[in-house]
N, C-alpha and C. Protein backbone atom coordinates (compact mmCIF):
# COMPACT_ATOMS: atom_id res chain seq x y z
N MET A 1 15.34 104.93 23.71
CA MET A 1 14.47 105.71 24.59
C MET A 1 13.17 106.03 23.86
N GLY A 2 12.07 106.12 24.59
CA GLY A 2 10.82 106.46 23.93
C GLY A 2 9.65 106.27 24.85
N LEU A 3 8.48 106.60 24.33
CA LEU A 3 7.24 106.50 25.09
C LEU A 3 6.45 105.31 24.58
N ALA A 4 6.16 104.35 25.46
CA ALA A 4 5.38 103.19 25.06
C ALA A 4 3.89 103.49 25.13
N ARG A 5 3.42 104.10 26.23
CA ARG A 5 2.04 104.53 26.35
C ARG A 5 1.97 105.63 27.39
N ARG A 6 0.90 106.38 27.39
CA ARG A 6 0.84 107.57 28.23
C ARG A 6 0.83 107.22 29.71
N ASP A 7 1.58 107.99 30.46
CA ASP A 7 1.62 107.87 31.91
C ASP A 7 0.29 108.35 32.47
N LYS A 8 -0.39 107.50 33.26
CA LYS A 8 -1.73 107.79 33.73
C LYS A 8 -1.78 108.42 35.12
N ARG A 9 -0.63 108.76 35.71
CA ARG A 9 -0.68 109.39 37.02
C ARG A 9 -1.27 110.80 36.90
N LYS A 10 -1.77 111.31 37.99
CA LYS A 10 -2.38 112.62 37.98
C LYS A 10 -1.36 113.68 37.62
N LYS A 11 -1.79 114.66 36.82
CA LYS A 11 -0.91 115.73 36.40
C LYS A 11 -0.39 116.49 37.61
N GLY A 12 0.92 116.69 37.65
CA GLY A 12 1.53 117.43 38.74
C GLY A 12 1.92 116.57 39.93
N ALA A 13 1.46 115.33 40.00
CA ALA A 13 1.80 114.46 41.12
C ALA A 13 3.25 113.99 40.98
N PRO A 14 4.00 113.93 42.08
CA PRO A 14 5.38 113.43 41.99
C PRO A 14 5.41 112.02 41.42
N ALA A 15 6.33 111.79 40.53
CA ALA A 15 6.42 110.48 39.88
C ALA A 15 6.94 109.42 40.84
N ARG A 16 6.47 108.20 40.64
CA ARG A 16 7.02 107.02 41.28
C ARG A 16 7.49 106.10 40.15
N LEU A 17 8.76 105.79 40.12
CA LEU A 17 9.34 105.04 39.01
C LEU A 17 9.56 103.58 39.37
N HIS A 18 9.13 102.70 38.49
CA HIS A 18 9.36 101.26 38.63
C HIS A 18 10.35 100.87 37.54
N ILE A 19 11.61 100.67 37.93
CA ILE A 19 12.68 100.43 36.96
C ILE A 19 12.82 98.94 36.68
N GLY A 20 12.95 98.59 35.38
CA GLY A 20 13.12 97.20 35.00
C GLY A 20 11.89 96.38 35.32
N CYS A 21 10.73 96.93 34.97
CA CYS A 21 9.46 96.30 35.39
C CYS A 21 9.15 95.00 34.68
N GLY A 22 9.71 94.79 33.48
CA GLY A 22 9.34 93.59 32.72
C GLY A 22 7.84 93.60 32.45
N GLN A 23 7.18 92.50 32.73
CA GLN A 23 5.73 92.42 32.56
C GLN A 23 4.99 92.51 33.89
N GLU A 24 5.69 93.01 34.92
CA GLU A 24 5.09 93.16 36.25
C GLU A 24 4.80 94.63 36.53
N ALA A 25 4.00 95.25 35.69
CA ALA A 25 3.66 96.66 35.85
C ALA A 25 2.89 96.88 37.15
N ILE A 26 3.14 98.02 37.80
CA ILE A 26 2.47 98.37 39.04
C ILE A 26 1.57 99.57 38.78
N PRO A 27 0.28 99.46 39.02
CA PRO A 27 -0.63 100.59 38.81
C PRO A 27 -0.22 101.80 39.64
N GLY A 28 -0.30 102.98 39.05
CA GLY A 28 0.04 104.19 39.75
C GLY A 28 1.51 104.56 39.70
N TRP A 29 2.32 103.69 39.12
CA TRP A 29 3.75 103.93 38.97
C TRP A 29 4.06 104.13 37.49
N VAL A 30 5.18 104.83 37.20
CA VAL A 30 5.68 104.91 35.83
C VAL A 30 6.54 103.67 35.61
N ASN A 31 6.03 102.72 34.86
CA ASN A 31 6.69 101.44 34.66
C ASN A 31 7.67 101.55 33.50
N ILE A 32 8.95 101.32 33.80
CA ILE A 32 10.03 101.56 32.85
C ILE A 32 10.76 100.27 32.55
N ASP A 33 11.00 100.03 31.26
CA ASP A 33 11.78 98.86 30.84
C ASP A 33 12.47 99.21 29.53
N SER A 34 13.47 98.42 29.17
CA SER A 34 14.17 98.64 27.91
C SER A 34 13.42 98.05 26.73
N ARG A 35 12.33 97.31 27.02
CA ARG A 35 11.54 96.68 25.97
C ARG A 35 10.09 97.13 26.07
N ALA A 36 9.43 97.22 24.93
CA ALA A 36 8.03 97.66 24.90
C ALA A 36 7.11 96.48 25.20
N LEU A 37 7.14 96.05 26.45
CA LEU A 37 6.33 94.92 26.90
C LEU A 37 4.95 95.41 27.34
N PRO A 38 3.98 94.52 27.45
CA PRO A 38 2.66 94.93 27.95
C PRO A 38 2.78 95.57 29.32
N GLY A 39 2.15 96.72 29.50
CA GLY A 39 2.17 97.41 30.78
C GLY A 39 3.27 98.43 30.94
N VAL A 40 4.24 98.46 30.03
CA VAL A 40 5.35 99.40 30.13
C VAL A 40 4.89 100.79 29.72
N ASP A 41 5.18 101.80 30.56
CA ASP A 41 4.82 103.18 30.27
C ASP A 41 5.91 103.92 29.49
N ARG A 42 7.16 103.67 29.86
CA ARG A 42 8.27 104.33 29.19
C ARG A 42 9.31 103.29 28.82
N VAL A 43 9.70 103.30 27.55
CA VAL A 43 10.78 102.43 27.08
C VAL A 43 12.06 103.24 27.14
N LEU A 44 12.93 102.88 28.08
CA LEU A 44 14.16 103.64 28.32
C LEU A 44 15.33 102.71 28.56
N ASP A 45 16.50 103.10 28.08
CA ASP A 45 17.75 102.49 28.50
C ASP A 45 18.27 103.38 29.61
N VAL A 46 18.13 102.94 30.85
CA VAL A 46 18.45 103.79 31.99
C VAL A 46 19.94 104.11 32.07
N ARG A 47 20.76 103.41 31.28
CA ARG A 47 22.18 103.74 31.25
C ARG A 47 22.41 105.10 30.59
N TRP A 48 21.39 105.62 29.92
CA TRP A 48 21.44 106.97 29.35
C TRP A 48 20.92 108.00 30.34
N GLY A 49 20.52 107.56 31.50
CA GLY A 49 19.99 108.48 32.49
C GLY A 49 18.47 108.38 32.61
N LEU A 50 17.92 109.10 33.56
CA LEU A 50 16.48 109.10 33.83
C LEU A 50 15.94 110.52 33.59
N PRO A 51 15.04 110.70 32.63
CA PRO A 51 14.53 112.04 32.29
C PRO A 51 13.42 112.49 33.23
N PHE A 52 13.72 112.58 34.51
CA PHE A 52 12.72 112.96 35.52
C PHE A 52 13.38 113.90 36.53
N ARG A 53 12.51 114.60 37.28
CA ARG A 53 12.98 115.44 38.38
C ARG A 53 11.97 115.37 39.51
N GLY A 54 12.43 115.57 40.73
CA GLY A 54 11.53 115.61 41.87
C GLY A 54 10.75 114.34 42.10
N VAL A 55 11.36 113.19 41.81
CA VAL A 55 10.70 111.90 41.93
C VAL A 55 10.48 111.54 43.40
N ALA A 56 9.31 111.03 43.70
CA ALA A 56 8.97 110.68 45.09
C ALA A 56 9.54 109.34 45.51
N ALA A 57 9.54 108.36 44.60
CA ALA A 57 9.96 107.01 44.96
C ALA A 57 10.46 106.29 43.71
N ILE A 58 11.45 105.43 43.90
CA ILE A 58 11.96 104.56 42.84
C ILE A 58 12.00 103.15 43.38
N PHE A 59 11.50 102.21 42.58
CA PHE A 59 11.50 100.80 42.95
C PHE A 59 12.19 100.02 41.84
N ALA A 60 13.22 99.23 42.22
CA ALA A 60 13.95 98.43 41.24
C ALA A 60 14.19 97.05 41.83
N GLU A 61 13.40 96.08 41.40
CA GLU A 61 13.50 94.72 41.94
C GLU A 61 14.34 93.85 41.02
N HIS A 62 15.40 93.27 41.57
CA HIS A 62 16.29 92.39 40.81
C HIS A 62 16.69 93.03 39.48
N PHE A 63 17.19 94.25 39.58
CA PHE A 63 17.65 94.99 38.41
C PHE A 63 19.13 95.32 38.50
N LEU A 64 19.58 95.76 39.66
CA LEU A 64 20.94 96.26 39.82
C LEU A 64 22.00 95.24 39.41
N GLU A 65 21.75 93.96 39.71
CA GLU A 65 22.76 92.93 39.42
C GLU A 65 22.96 92.69 37.93
N HIS A 66 22.10 93.26 37.10
CA HIS A 66 22.23 93.10 35.65
C HIS A 66 23.12 94.17 35.03
N LEU A 67 23.67 95.06 35.85
CA LEU A 67 24.57 96.10 35.37
C LEU A 67 25.99 95.81 35.85
N PRO A 68 27.01 96.02 34.99
CA PRO A 68 28.39 95.99 35.49
C PRO A 68 28.53 96.97 36.65
N PHE A 69 29.50 96.74 37.52
CA PHE A 69 29.58 97.52 38.75
C PHE A 69 29.58 99.03 38.51
N GLU A 70 30.43 99.50 37.59
CA GLU A 70 30.51 100.94 37.37
C GLU A 70 29.20 101.50 36.81
N ASP A 71 28.55 100.76 35.94
CA ASP A 71 27.24 101.19 35.43
C ASP A 71 26.20 101.17 36.53
N GLY A 72 26.30 100.18 37.42
CA GLY A 72 25.37 100.12 38.55
C GLY A 72 25.54 101.31 39.47
N LEU A 73 26.80 101.68 39.74
CA LEU A 73 27.06 102.83 40.59
C LEU A 73 26.56 104.11 39.94
N ALA A 74 26.75 104.24 38.63
CA ALA A 74 26.25 105.42 37.91
C ALA A 74 24.72 105.46 37.95
N PHE A 75 24.09 104.29 37.86
CA PHE A 75 22.62 104.23 37.95
C PHE A 75 22.15 104.69 39.32
N LEU A 76 22.82 104.26 40.38
CA LEU A 76 22.43 104.68 41.73
C LEU A 76 22.60 106.18 41.90
N ARG A 77 23.66 106.73 41.33
CA ARG A 77 23.86 108.18 41.39
C ARG A 77 22.76 108.92 40.64
N GLU A 78 22.36 108.35 39.51
CA GLU A 78 21.28 108.96 38.74
C GLU A 78 19.96 108.91 39.51
N CYS A 79 19.72 107.82 40.23
CA CYS A 79 18.53 107.73 41.07
C CYS A 79 18.54 108.83 42.12
N ARG A 80 19.69 109.01 42.78
CA ARG A 80 19.79 110.08 43.79
C ARG A 80 19.57 111.45 43.16
N ARG A 81 20.05 111.65 41.95
CA ARG A 81 19.91 112.94 41.28
C ARG A 81 18.46 113.29 40.98
N VAL A 82 17.67 112.31 40.53
CA VAL A 82 16.30 112.61 40.09
C VAL A 82 15.31 112.56 41.24
N LEU A 83 15.68 111.95 42.36
CA LEU A 83 14.78 111.90 43.50
C LEU A 83 14.65 113.28 44.15
N ALA A 84 13.48 113.57 44.69
CA ALA A 84 13.31 114.75 45.52
C ALA A 84 14.18 114.58 46.76
N PRO A 85 14.50 115.68 47.46
CA PRO A 85 15.33 115.56 48.67
C PRO A 85 14.81 114.52 49.67
N ASP A 86 13.48 114.39 49.76
CA ASP A 86 12.90 113.41 50.68
C ASP A 86 12.46 112.13 49.97
N GLY A 87 12.87 111.97 48.71
CA GLY A 87 12.52 110.77 47.95
C GLY A 87 13.28 109.55 48.44
N VAL A 88 12.75 108.37 48.12
CA VAL A 88 13.33 107.11 48.60
C VAL A 88 13.49 106.12 47.46
N LEU A 89 14.61 105.44 47.43
CA LEU A 89 14.87 104.35 46.49
C LEU A 89 14.75 103.03 47.23
N ARG A 90 13.92 102.12 46.72
CA ARG A 90 13.85 100.75 47.26
C ARG A 90 14.31 99.81 46.16
N LEU A 91 15.28 98.97 46.51
CA LEU A 91 15.75 98.01 45.53
C LEU A 91 16.04 96.67 46.19
N SER A 92 16.05 95.64 45.36
CA SER A 92 16.41 94.31 45.83
C SER A 92 17.41 93.72 44.86
N THR A 93 18.29 92.87 45.38
CA THR A 93 19.31 92.24 44.56
C THR A 93 19.77 90.97 45.27
N PRO A 94 20.22 89.94 44.55
CA PRO A 94 20.65 88.71 45.21
C PRO A 94 21.73 88.96 46.25
N ASN A 95 21.69 88.20 47.32
CA ASN A 95 22.64 88.31 48.42
C ASN A 95 23.83 87.40 48.16
N LEU A 96 24.99 87.98 47.93
CA LEU A 96 26.18 87.19 47.63
C LEU A 96 26.51 86.20 48.75
N ASP A 97 26.30 86.59 50.00
CA ASP A 97 26.57 85.68 51.11
C ASP A 97 25.68 84.45 51.04
N TRP A 98 24.40 84.64 50.68
CA TRP A 98 23.48 83.52 50.56
C TRP A 98 23.90 82.62 49.40
N VAL A 99 24.34 83.23 48.30
CA VAL A 99 24.76 82.45 47.13
C VAL A 99 25.89 81.51 47.51
N PHE A 100 26.91 82.01 48.19
CA PHE A 100 28.03 81.16 48.56
C PHE A 100 27.63 80.09 49.57
N ALA A 101 26.78 80.44 50.51
CA ALA A 101 26.40 79.49 51.56
C ALA A 101 25.55 78.35 51.02
N THR A 102 24.78 78.61 49.99
CA THR A 102 23.82 77.61 49.50
C THR A 102 24.18 77.00 48.16
N GLN A 103 24.97 77.71 47.35
CA GLN A 103 25.26 77.23 46.00
C GLN A 103 26.65 76.63 45.86
N TYR A 104 27.52 76.83 46.87
CA TYR A 104 28.87 76.26 46.81
C TYR A 104 29.26 75.80 48.21
N ARG A 105 28.89 74.58 48.53
CA ARG A 105 28.97 74.05 49.89
C ARG A 105 30.34 73.45 50.19
N VAL A 106 31.34 74.31 50.30
CA VAL A 106 32.72 73.86 50.53
C VAL A 106 32.79 73.01 51.80
N GLY A 107 33.39 71.82 51.68
CA GLY A 107 33.56 70.95 52.84
C GLY A 107 32.32 70.18 53.22
N ARG A 108 31.22 70.37 52.50
CA ARG A 108 29.97 69.68 52.85
C ARG A 108 29.47 68.78 51.72
N TRP A 109 30.33 68.54 50.74
CA TRP A 109 29.91 67.69 49.64
C TRP A 109 29.90 66.22 50.06
N GLY A 110 28.83 65.55 49.68
CA GLY A 110 28.74 64.13 50.01
C GLY A 110 29.20 63.23 48.90
N SER A 111 29.42 63.80 47.73
CA SER A 111 29.83 62.99 46.59
C SER A 111 30.48 63.88 45.54
N GLU A 112 31.15 63.24 44.59
CA GLU A 112 31.76 63.98 43.48
C GLU A 112 30.67 64.65 42.64
N LYS A 113 29.52 64.01 42.55
CA LYS A 113 28.41 64.58 41.78
C LYS A 113 27.98 65.92 42.37
N GLU A 114 27.94 66.02 43.70
CA GLU A 114 27.55 67.27 44.34
C GLU A 114 28.58 68.37 44.09
N ARG A 115 29.86 68.00 44.04
CA ARG A 115 30.89 68.99 43.73
C ARG A 115 30.70 69.55 42.33
N LEU A 116 30.37 68.67 41.39
CA LEU A 116 30.14 69.10 40.02
C LEU A 116 28.89 69.99 39.93
N GLU A 117 27.84 69.58 40.61
CA GLU A 117 26.60 70.36 40.59
C GLU A 117 26.82 71.76 41.15
N ASP A 118 27.59 71.86 42.24
CA ASP A 118 27.83 73.16 42.86
C ASP A 118 28.71 74.06 41.99
N CYS A 119 29.60 73.45 41.22
CA CYS A 119 30.41 74.24 40.30
C CYS A 119 29.51 74.94 39.29
N PHE A 120 28.55 74.22 38.75
CA PHE A 120 27.59 74.83 37.82
C PHE A 120 26.71 75.84 38.55
N ALA A 121 26.28 75.51 39.75
CA ALA A 121 25.35 76.37 40.48
C ALA A 121 25.97 77.73 40.78
N ILE A 122 27.22 77.76 41.24
CA ILE A 122 27.84 79.03 41.59
C ILE A 122 28.10 79.87 40.35
N ASN A 123 28.48 79.22 39.25
CA ASN A 123 28.68 79.97 38.01
C ASN A 123 27.37 80.48 37.45
N ARG A 124 26.32 79.70 37.60
CA ARG A 124 25.00 80.17 37.15
C ARG A 124 24.56 81.39 37.94
N ALA A 125 24.83 81.40 39.24
CA ALA A 125 24.45 82.53 40.07
C ALA A 125 25.14 83.81 39.62
N PHE A 126 26.41 83.69 39.22
CA PHE A 126 27.17 84.86 38.80
C PHE A 126 26.87 85.28 37.37
N HIS A 127 26.67 84.32 36.49
CA HIS A 127 26.57 84.65 35.06
C HIS A 127 25.21 84.38 34.44
N GLY A 128 24.36 83.61 35.12
CA GLY A 128 23.04 83.30 34.56
C GLY A 128 22.09 84.48 34.62
N TRP A 129 21.05 84.42 33.82
CA TRP A 129 19.98 85.42 33.81
C TRP A 129 20.49 86.84 33.53
N GLY A 130 21.66 86.94 32.90
CA GLY A 130 22.20 88.26 32.60
C GLY A 130 22.88 88.96 33.75
N HIS A 131 23.20 88.22 34.82
CA HIS A 131 23.85 88.84 35.97
C HIS A 131 25.24 89.36 35.61
N GLN A 132 25.59 90.51 36.16
CA GLN A 132 26.89 91.11 35.91
C GLN A 132 27.71 91.31 37.19
N PHE A 133 27.02 91.61 38.31
CA PHE A 133 27.74 91.87 39.56
C PHE A 133 26.81 91.56 40.73
N LEU A 134 27.29 90.75 41.67
CA LEU A 134 26.50 90.41 42.85
C LEU A 134 27.07 91.13 44.08
N TYR A 135 26.18 91.59 44.95
CA TYR A 135 26.55 92.40 46.10
C TYR A 135 26.35 91.62 47.40
N ASN A 136 27.24 91.87 48.36
CA ASN A 136 26.94 91.48 49.72
C ASN A 136 26.39 92.72 50.44
N GLU A 137 25.99 92.56 51.68
CA GLU A 137 25.34 93.65 52.41
C GLU A 137 26.24 94.88 52.51
N SER A 138 27.51 94.66 52.80
CA SER A 138 28.43 95.78 52.96
C SER A 138 28.66 96.53 51.66
N MET A 139 28.83 95.80 50.56
CA MET A 139 29.08 96.45 49.28
C MET A 139 27.88 97.23 48.80
N LEU A 140 26.68 96.69 48.99
CA LEU A 140 25.48 97.39 48.57
C LEU A 140 25.32 98.70 49.34
N ALA A 141 25.51 98.64 50.65
CA ALA A 141 25.40 99.85 51.46
C ALA A 141 26.47 100.87 51.07
N ALA A 142 27.69 100.40 50.84
CA ALA A 142 28.78 101.31 50.45
C ALA A 142 28.50 101.95 49.10
N ALA A 143 27.98 101.17 48.14
CA ALA A 143 27.68 101.71 46.82
C ALA A 143 26.60 102.78 46.90
N LEU A 144 25.58 102.54 47.71
CA LEU A 144 24.50 103.52 47.86
C LEU A 144 25.00 104.80 48.51
N ARG A 145 25.84 104.68 49.51
CA ARG A 145 26.38 105.88 50.15
C ARG A 145 27.34 106.60 49.22
N ASP A 146 28.12 105.83 48.44
CA ASP A 146 29.01 106.43 47.47
C ASP A 146 28.23 107.18 46.40
N ALA A 147 27.02 106.71 46.12
CA ALA A 147 26.17 107.35 45.13
C ALA A 147 25.48 108.60 45.66
N GLY A 148 25.59 108.85 46.97
CA GLY A 148 25.03 110.08 47.52
C GLY A 148 23.88 109.92 48.47
N PHE A 149 23.56 108.68 48.84
CA PHE A 149 22.49 108.44 49.80
C PHE A 149 23.07 108.47 51.22
N ALA A 150 22.35 109.11 52.13
CA ALA A 150 22.82 109.23 53.51
C ALA A 150 22.40 108.05 54.38
N GLU A 151 21.21 107.52 54.12
CA GLU A 151 20.65 106.46 54.96
C GLU A 151 20.35 105.22 54.13
N VAL A 152 20.68 104.06 54.67
CA VAL A 152 20.37 102.79 54.02
C VAL A 152 19.72 101.88 55.06
N ALA A 153 18.45 101.55 54.86
CA ALA A 153 17.70 100.73 55.81
C ALA A 153 17.34 99.40 55.16
N HIS A 154 17.67 98.31 55.84
CA HIS A 154 17.35 96.98 55.31
C HIS A 154 15.90 96.63 55.65
N GLN A 155 15.24 95.98 54.69
CA GLN A 155 13.83 95.66 54.82
C GLN A 155 13.59 94.18 54.53
N ARG A 156 12.40 93.70 54.91
CA ARG A 156 11.97 92.34 54.61
C ARG A 156 11.10 92.34 53.37
N TYR A 157 11.01 91.20 52.75
CA TYR A 157 10.23 91.03 51.52
C TYR A 157 8.79 91.53 51.72
N GLY A 158 8.39 92.51 50.92
CA GLY A 158 7.02 93.02 50.94
C GLY A 158 6.70 93.95 52.09
N GLU A 159 7.66 94.20 52.99
CA GLU A 159 7.39 95.00 54.18
C GLU A 159 8.09 96.36 54.08
N SER A 160 7.43 97.39 54.62
CA SER A 160 8.03 98.72 54.64
C SER A 160 7.20 99.62 55.55
N GLU A 161 7.85 100.59 56.15
CA GLU A 161 7.14 101.62 56.90
C GLU A 161 6.53 102.65 55.95
N ILE A 162 6.96 102.61 54.69
CA ILE A 162 6.45 103.53 53.67
C ILE A 162 5.35 102.82 52.90
N LEU A 163 4.17 103.36 52.95
CA LEU A 163 2.99 102.69 52.42
C LEU A 163 3.14 102.28 50.96
N VAL A 164 3.69 103.15 50.11
CA VAL A 164 3.73 102.86 48.67
C VAL A 164 4.67 101.71 48.33
N PHE A 165 5.54 101.33 49.26
CA PHE A 165 6.48 100.24 49.01
C PHE A 165 5.99 98.89 49.53
N ARG A 166 4.90 98.85 50.23
CA ARG A 166 4.43 97.60 50.82
C ARG A 166 3.87 96.67 49.76
N GLY A 167 4.29 95.40 49.83
CA GLY A 167 3.73 94.37 48.95
C GLY A 167 4.12 94.50 47.50
N LEU A 168 5.22 95.19 47.19
CA LEU A 168 5.59 95.38 45.78
C LEU A 168 6.37 94.22 45.19
N GLU A 169 7.15 93.52 45.99
CA GLU A 169 8.03 92.48 45.44
C GLU A 169 7.22 91.37 44.76
N ARG A 170 7.72 90.96 43.61
CA ARG A 170 7.07 89.90 42.82
C ARG A 170 8.01 88.73 42.54
N HIS A 171 9.29 88.93 42.76
CA HIS A 171 10.27 87.91 42.37
C HIS A 171 10.11 86.65 43.20
N GLN A 172 10.53 85.53 42.62
CA GLN A 172 10.44 84.23 43.29
C GLN A 172 11.15 84.24 44.63
N ILE A 173 10.53 83.62 45.62
CA ILE A 173 11.10 83.53 46.97
C ILE A 173 11.82 82.19 47.12
N TRP A 174 13.05 82.25 47.65
CA TRP A 174 13.81 81.05 47.93
C TRP A 174 13.89 80.85 49.43
N GLU A 175 14.36 79.71 49.85
CA GLU A 175 14.50 79.44 51.28
C GLU A 175 15.58 80.34 51.87
N ASP A 176 15.25 81.02 52.94
CA ASP A 176 16.23 81.84 53.63
C ASP A 176 15.84 81.96 55.10
N THR A 177 16.64 82.68 55.84
CA THR A 177 16.38 82.93 57.24
C THR A 177 16.57 84.42 57.49
N PRO A 178 16.07 84.96 58.60
CA PRO A 178 16.30 86.38 58.90
C PRO A 178 17.78 86.72 58.95
N GLU A 179 18.61 85.75 59.38
CA GLU A 179 20.04 85.99 59.48
C GLU A 179 20.73 85.95 58.12
N LEU A 180 20.18 85.19 57.17
CA LEU A 180 20.80 85.06 55.85
C LEU A 180 19.72 85.04 54.77
N PRO A 181 19.16 86.18 54.43
CA PRO A 181 18.15 86.23 53.37
C PRO A 181 18.79 86.00 52.01
N HIS A 182 18.04 85.42 51.09
CA HIS A 182 18.59 85.14 49.77
C HIS A 182 18.68 86.41 48.93
N VAL A 183 17.93 87.43 49.32
CA VAL A 183 17.94 88.68 48.57
C VAL A 183 18.10 89.84 49.56
N LEU A 184 18.85 90.84 49.15
CA LEU A 184 19.00 92.05 49.94
C LEU A 184 17.97 93.06 49.48
N ILE A 185 17.17 93.56 50.41
CA ILE A 185 16.16 94.58 50.11
C ILE A 185 16.47 95.79 50.97
N VAL A 186 16.68 96.93 50.35
CA VAL A 186 17.04 98.13 51.09
C VAL A 186 16.21 99.31 50.61
N GLU A 187 16.07 100.28 51.51
CA GLU A 187 15.50 101.58 51.16
C GLU A 187 16.55 102.63 51.46
N ALA A 188 16.91 103.40 50.45
CA ALA A 188 17.96 104.40 50.57
C ALA A 188 17.35 105.79 50.46
N SER A 189 17.81 106.69 51.30
CA SER A 189 17.23 108.03 51.34
C SER A 189 18.26 109.04 51.83
N GLY A 190 17.86 110.30 51.87
CA GLY A 190 18.75 111.36 52.33
C GLY A 190 19.82 111.70 51.31
N ILE A 191 20.58 112.74 51.59
CA ILE A 191 21.62 113.21 50.68
C ILE A 191 22.93 113.32 51.45
N ALA A 192 23.97 112.72 50.89
CA ALA A 192 25.30 112.76 51.50
C ALA A 192 26.32 113.03 50.40
N THR A 193 27.51 113.43 50.79
CA THR A 193 28.59 113.66 49.85
C THR A 193 29.83 112.92 50.33
N GLY A 194 30.74 112.70 49.39
CA GLY A 194 31.99 112.04 49.76
C GLY A 194 32.06 110.62 49.26
N GLN A 195 33.24 110.23 48.77
CA GLN A 195 33.43 108.88 48.24
C GLN A 195 33.56 107.89 49.38
N VAL A 196 32.81 106.83 49.30
CA VAL A 196 32.83 105.80 50.35
C VAL A 196 33.69 104.61 49.92
N LEU A 197 33.71 104.33 48.64
CA LEU A 197 34.48 103.19 48.13
C LEU A 197 35.88 103.66 47.72
N PRO A 198 36.91 103.38 48.52
CA PRO A 198 38.26 103.83 48.20
C PRO A 198 38.75 103.28 46.87
N GLU A 199 39.53 104.07 46.18
CA GLU A 199 40.04 103.67 44.87
C GLU A 199 40.89 102.42 44.96
N GLU A 200 41.64 102.25 46.05
CA GLU A 200 42.51 101.08 46.15
C GLU A 200 41.72 99.78 46.23
N ILE A 201 40.45 99.86 46.69
CA ILE A 201 39.60 98.67 46.72
C ILE A 201 39.00 98.41 45.35
N ARG A 202 38.66 99.47 44.66
CA ARG A 202 37.96 99.34 43.38
C ARG A 202 38.88 99.08 42.20
N LYS A 203 40.12 99.56 42.26
CA LYS A 203 40.95 99.63 41.06
C LYS A 203 41.25 98.27 40.44
N GLY A 204 41.24 97.20 41.24
CA GLY A 204 41.52 95.89 40.68
C GLY A 204 40.35 95.28 39.94
N TYR A 205 39.21 95.95 40.01
CA TYR A 205 38.01 95.35 39.42
C TYR A 205 37.33 96.26 38.40
N LEU A 206 37.59 97.55 38.46
CA LEU A 206 36.81 98.53 37.71
C LEU A 206 36.61 98.14 36.25
N TYR A 207 35.35 98.30 35.80
CA TYR A 207 35.02 98.21 34.38
C TYR A 207 35.28 99.60 33.79
N ARG A 208 36.52 99.92 33.51
CA ARG A 208 36.85 101.27 33.07
C ARG A 208 36.10 101.65 31.81
N GLU A 209 36.02 100.72 30.84
CA GLU A 209 35.33 101.06 29.60
C GLU A 209 33.86 101.35 29.87
N ALA A 210 33.23 100.54 30.73
CA ALA A 210 31.82 100.75 31.03
C ALA A 210 31.62 102.10 31.71
N SER A 211 32.53 102.44 32.62
CA SER A 211 32.41 103.70 33.34
C SER A 211 32.53 104.88 32.39
N LEU A 212 33.54 104.87 31.53
CA LEU A 212 33.72 105.97 30.59
C LEU A 212 32.56 106.08 29.62
N TRP A 213 32.05 104.93 29.16
CA TRP A 213 30.93 104.93 28.22
C TRP A 213 29.68 105.50 28.88
N MET A 214 29.46 105.12 30.15
CA MET A 214 28.32 105.67 30.88
C MET A 214 28.44 107.18 31.01
N ARG A 215 29.61 107.66 31.38
CA ARG A 215 29.79 109.10 31.54
C ARG A 215 29.59 109.83 30.23
N PHE A 216 30.10 109.26 29.14
CA PHE A 216 29.92 109.87 27.83
C PHE A 216 28.45 109.98 27.47
N LYS A 217 27.71 108.90 27.68
CA LYS A 217 26.29 108.90 27.34
C LYS A 217 25.50 109.91 28.16
N LEU A 218 25.78 109.95 29.47
CA LEU A 218 25.06 110.89 30.33
C LEU A 218 25.38 112.33 29.97
N THR A 219 26.65 112.61 29.66
CA THR A 219 27.03 113.96 29.27
C THR A 219 26.36 114.36 27.96
N ALA A 220 26.37 113.44 26.98
CA ALA A 220 25.75 113.73 25.70
C ALA A 220 24.24 113.95 25.85
N LYS A 221 23.60 113.13 26.68
CA LYS A 221 22.16 113.25 26.87
C LYS A 221 21.81 114.59 27.50
N ARG A 222 22.55 115.00 28.52
CA ARG A 222 22.24 116.25 29.18
C ARG A 222 22.47 117.45 28.27
N ARG A 223 23.46 117.38 27.40
CA ARG A 223 23.68 118.46 26.45
C ARG A 223 22.54 118.54 25.45
N LEU A 224 22.04 117.41 25.00
CA LEU A 224 20.91 117.40 24.09
C LEU A 224 19.66 117.95 24.78
N GLN A 225 19.50 117.64 26.07
CA GLN A 225 18.37 118.18 26.82
C GLN A 225 18.45 119.69 26.93
N LEU A 226 19.65 120.21 27.18
CA LEU A 226 19.84 121.66 27.30
C LEU A 226 19.53 122.35 25.97
N LEU A 227 19.83 121.68 24.87
CA LEU A 227 19.55 122.23 23.55
C LEU A 227 18.11 122.04 23.12
N GLY A 228 17.33 121.33 23.95
CA GLY A 228 15.93 121.09 23.64
C GLY A 228 15.70 120.08 22.54
N LEU A 229 16.70 119.24 22.29
CA LEU A 229 16.60 118.27 21.20
C LEU A 229 15.97 116.96 21.64
N ILE A 230 15.92 116.71 22.97
CA ILE A 230 15.25 115.50 23.46
C ILE A 230 14.44 115.89 24.70
């Protein structure tokens, strides 16, 4: 964790956080990454939490899939915690349904070579580029509601009714259709309570070690904050 360069937003203005910005910094936003890349405002490992309050907006493009499921859920909960009551989270992540439909064409192979190619393609989608967990539409919505968001609205690439979110996406565009987009883009807002993901569904998959480690880190960080040490 640390400060890469000074945040240039106006003093007292609600923060807008750009999580996992890489080298695609957005002017007027607090650009956050785990590496001190050009344009990064704050160098943070978000698995330790987000040191903000009353945040107006959070944008995370192609970031969530790089976290194991339990860490991803903890990250979404942390986003809900730091957002203002009327704050909004916009995120994008690969669409698992699109991955299966386009990268593993069961029953549509024209040759043995295509079967081999698709075997590599589907594994690359799951494990390439640091991917840890891919979501379908239902799982993403359930995870967001489980994290405490009341409303989940699906959006199109670069489009939003909220001005600050328009035209933000930078990631490569693949062929898709309105019925089957290659990426899921959602805006989550509001505050809700109650577990949405039943334990019997999760228990066969849970990254228990990741979950416990995340909780330990967040607890330790908050105690250090209370002591004024960070």
